Amino acid sequence: MATLPSSHCCRTYSSSSSLSYSSSLYRSLQRVAVSPSPKRFVVSAKVSQSVLQQNGVSMQDVAPAVKPVENETAFKKLKDGLLSATAGSVEESKDSSGFSFEETGSTVSITVVGASGDLAKKKIFPALFALYYEGCLPKHFTIFGYARSKMTDAELRTMVSKTLTCRIDQRENCGEKMDQFLERCFYHSGQYDSQDHFAQLDKKLKEHEGGRIPNRLFYLSIPPNIFIDAVRCASLSASSGNGWTRVIVEKPFGRDSESSAALTKALKQYLEEDQIFRIDHYLGKELVENLSVLRFSNLIFEPLWSRQYIRNVQLIFSEDFGTEGRGGYFDNYGIIRDIMQNHLLQILALFAMETPVSLDAEDIRNEKVKVLRSMRPLQLENVVTGQYKSHVRGGVTYPAYTDDKTVPKGSLTPTFAAAALFIDNARWDGVPFLMKAGKALHNKRAEIRVQFRHVPGNLYNRNIGTDLDRATNELVIRVQPDEAIFLKINNKVPGLGMRLDRSNLNLHYAARYSTEIPDAYERLLLDAIEGERRLFIRSDELDAAWSLFTPLLKEIEEKKIIPEYYPYGSRGPVGAHYLAARYKVRWGDVGVEQ
């Protein structure tokens, strides 16, 4: 099978490289011209000669001199002139690594705040190494770990080296690459609320930046209650003077609309919106990113993507383990906040959105926000909650949720939830979007299942029998594990008789593609470095998501709704099946071949 030609892994998403290149200069000019306040993270004052030269523009090209922009018209003229001057030289300014000439005169410093934590060790550092191994990081980069733990550079490198792996299809020079990567890793110990400690970090960063234009990325791998302290100290003491500074913020983004809005307001005291990268790692999953490709670049799917042909959509997330000692953290949020309000709702918005004007981040996020704002507020009657209880299987006793020593006795926090959601717009009116998420279930999976309507006047009803659901076409997008896309169709079994069989048209990624699928954190970290925001969550998008779930969460907590208990390792509460049956739906992951 032929494979379409692809570019190097260090990619851009705009329709042309010149557009992507020019937009970075345009954003720089925007910050110069219309910076609303003297925030440390915003480049201010003027466009320096060095910045213009990096973009292939000499001072003579800009007309007499760059003056402060007095109004929008003057700024537009300046911007048009500069972009015109750069248009002819964009391709020449790229080097062999895929980065523009701008990158060769600059450096990227990546600071992992909370470097001693599990997320940093298991995900962030391995993802950064994978990007380095694939040649996707800029020529000049430095990685700093920052945490309260006392540690030397050598100790950090030893800690990080234990979690690094090489791509299975590129194992040559693996040890050499690891050594080269670790040589770029350093550590600074400090408090998250200390400007002095961040100032010391700033001094170390400057030593490694070597006089190049500094671009700085801070990854906040820390509890949400110290986000603001860390951002404040970094902004005042360790932000870039004449490059960009970006901050990746991990979920949870609050517990409800009120706390989320307060967090956003506090962050914006020190950051502009385009500097905040709210990460939801599920948006970096290969199959989630493929959603728009599957739909918008295949003619057979887009005409079917509506209420006319789709009977229901199911978004299913399950884990085959419990809280495993994380009960104290989990109990403060629960499965609805932890999985449904972010991971599954983000996938739903991508699935259901209208065709965006372009692949530009703002165009895509605009369409996602429209979906979220069109959704019907969640009603308690359309939600089932559950909590796993102790169960003995095969002579092994599995603990209940409340057996976790970090969980308060008598906790009513749901470890399972199922919900029916509806989008009140012309495309999806009346189509139930069923979500199901839970811990300690019978298997581990995340998938999207699209069940199409029954064939009207089906000639083969006699051969199908009374179970019409078994004859329904179903598109399954398995996000994890064992990534795949398959379409369930009805087919004649070979032979002299007329016997029908349900078969799969199967795209199994492991069989079709020889390369290993990148981890979601690799894609999202690369996007943040490149300034690509389409897979990150915008503040109004976050507001719309919380507005759907906050009234429901408050009602559940105020009424102290008792969850339905289900055995550890089972398929979850029976109530989830009654909820689906109310809308004449059968869960696609139950009782059928996978």
Foldseek 3Di string as FASTA:
>chain_A
DDDDDDDQPQDDFAPDPLVLLLVVVVVLLCLAACVPDPFLQTAYDFDDQVQLVLLVHHQVQQPPHDDHDDDDVSSVVSSVSSSVNSNVCFVVQDDPLGDGSSLVLFEEEEEEEVCVDPCNQQPVLQLVLACVLSSNHGPHYAYEYEEQDDDFLVRSLVSNVVNHDYWPVDCPCVVVSSVVNSVRYGYFYDDLQDLVSLLVVQVVVCVSRPPGQYEYEYEHPDDPVSVLSNLVSCRVRHHGHRYHYAYEDEDDCAQFLVSNVVSVVSNVVNDDLLRYFDADLLLLFPLLVCLCVVAVVDPVHVVCLFPVWFQAKEWEFEAQAACVLVLLVCLVHFDCSVDVLPNVLQSVLQNNFDDFPGPAQVSSQVRSLLQLLQKDFFDPVFKAFEFEAWDADPNDIDHGSQVNPSHDPPRQGGQKMKGWIFGPDDGTHPHTYIYIYHYLAQHGWTKMKTWTDQDPPDPCCVQVDDPSSQQIWMWMATSDDQGKTWIWHWDADDDDDGHIDIDIPIDGPVVPDVTDGRRSSSVSVSCSVSSRRNSGHGSSSSSSSSVRCRVVVVVCVVVVDHHHYDHRNHRDDPVNQVSQVVSPHGPPVPPDDD
